[in-house]
C-alpha cells in the first residue's frame, strides 16, 4: 500500500513538472502579457497633457481599449502600436 502511494506521488510529480516545462517553453512569456493602463493615467505614458489625450481618445473611438466594471483601461503595448501608426 505504501509503495502504491509513492508511485502515485511520483507520477503526479512527473505530470506537474512536464506541464510546467510546457509553459516554460511556450512562446508567450510573462513580459508579453498586456499591462492595462487606466484612462486617467494614459497621458503620462505618451508625454501628453490630459486634455490632449482626452481629445485624442474622443476623436478616435477605435483605439484599443477594455472596459471592466465601467472603468476604461488601455492595453499598453497595443495602444503604443496604435498610437505610432496613427501619428505618423
Protein backbone atom coordinates (compact mmCIF):
# COMPACT_ATOMS: atom_id res chain seq x y z
CA UNK A 1 0.00 0.00 0.00
CA UNK A 2 2.85 2.36 0.85
CA UNK A 3 4.61 1.63 -2.47
CA UNK A 4 1.45 2.50 -4.41
CA UNK A 5 1.30 5.88 -2.67
CA UNK A 6 4.92 6.57 -3.59
CA UNK A 7 4.32 5.57 -7.21
CA UNK A 8 1.21 7.76 -7.47
CA UNK A 9 3.12 10.65 -5.89
CA UNK A 10 5.99 10.26 -8.36
CA UNK A 11 3.58 10.13 -11.30
CA UNK A 12 1.86 13.31 -10.12
CA UNK A 13 5.24 14.97 -9.66
CA UNK A 14 6.26 14.00 -13.19
CA UNK A 15 2.96 15.32 -14.56
CA UNK A 16 3.33 18.71 -12.86
CA UNK A 17 6.97 19.05 -13.93
CA UNK A 18 6.04 18.21 -17.53
CA UNK A 19 3.16 20.70 -17.61
CA UNK A 20 5.41 23.37 -16.10
CA UNK A 21 8.04 22.64 -18.73
CA UNK A 22 5.44 23.11 -21.50
CA UNK A 23 4.54 26.51 -20.04
CA UNK A 24 8.19 27.43 -19.77
CA UNK A 25 8.84 26.54 -23.40
CA UNK A 26 5.76 28.35 -24.74
CA UNK A 27 6.32 31.37 -26.92
CA UNK A 28 4.27 33.72 -24.78
CA UNK A 29 6.33 34.87 -21.84
CA UNK A 30 5.34 36.90 -18.81
CA UNK A 31 6.62 40.08 -20.46
CA UNK A 32 4.23 39.52 -23.40
CA UNK A 33 1.21 39.86 -21.19
CA UNK A 34 -0.66 43.11 -21.52
CA UNK A 35 -0.31 45.82 -18.92
CA UNK A 36 -3.63 47.64 -18.59
CA UNK A 37 -3.43 51.39 -18.03
CA UNK A 38 -6.36 53.31 -16.65
CA UNK A 39 -7.60 56.10 -18.90
CA UNK A 40 -6.82 58.74 -16.26
CA UNK A 41 -3.11 57.76 -16.30
CA UNK A 42 -2.66 57.08 -20.01
CA UNK A 43 -1.41 60.58 -20.86
CA UNK A 44 1.68 60.07 -18.69
CA UNK A 45 2.95 57.26 -20.91
CA UNK A 46 2.80 59.40 -24.05
CA UNK A 47 4.02 62.71 -22.64
CA UNK A 48 0.75 64.47 -23.40
CA UNK A 49 -1.36 66.59 -21.13
CA UNK A 50 -4.70 65.19 -20.00
CA UNK A 51 -6.73 67.44 -22.30
CA UNK A 52 -4.74 66.39 -25.40
CA UNK A 53 -5.10 62.70 -24.53
CA UNK A 54 -8.84 63.04 -23.90
CA UNK A 55 -9.23 64.82 -27.25
CA UNK A 56 -7.26 62.08 -28.99
CA UNK A 57 -9.42 59.38 -27.42
CA UNK A 58 -12.67 61.20 -28.19
CA UNK A 59 -11.63 61.71 -31.84
CA UNK A 60 -10.59 58.06 -32.21
CA UNK A 61 -13.15 55.70 -30.69
CA UNK A 62 -11.45 52.73 -32.38
CA UNK A 63 -8.42 52.94 -30.08
CA UNK A 64 -7.78 49.55 -28.42
CA UNK A 65 -9.43 49.50 -25.02
CA UNK A 66 -11.03 47.26 -22.43
CA UNK A 67 -13.92 48.25 -20.18
CA UNK A 68 -14.04 46.46 -16.83
CA UNK A 69 -16.79 47.34 -14.36
CA UNK A 70 -17.34 50.70 -16.04
CA UNK A 71 -13.66 51.70 -15.94
CA UNK A 72 -11.82 52.04 -19.25
CA UNK A 73 -8.35 50.53 -19.49
CA UNK A 74 -5.94 50.58 -22.41
CA UNK A 75 -3.58 47.66 -23.11
CA UNK A 76 -0.25 49.47 -23.18
CA UNK A 77 1.55 47.53 -25.94
CA UNK A 78 -1.43 47.52 -28.31
CA UNK A 79 -2.13 51.19 -27.63
CA UNK A 80 1.51 52.11 -28.28
CA UNK A 81 1.37 50.35 -31.66
CA UNK A 82 -1.95 52.02 -32.48
CA UNK A 83 -0.64 55.43 -31.39
CA UNK A 84 2.50 55.05 -33.51
CA UNK A 85 0.52 54.02 -36.61
CA UNK A 86 -1.97 56.88 -36.25
CA UNK A 87 0.56 59.63 -35.53
CA UNK A 88 2.96 59.38 -38.44
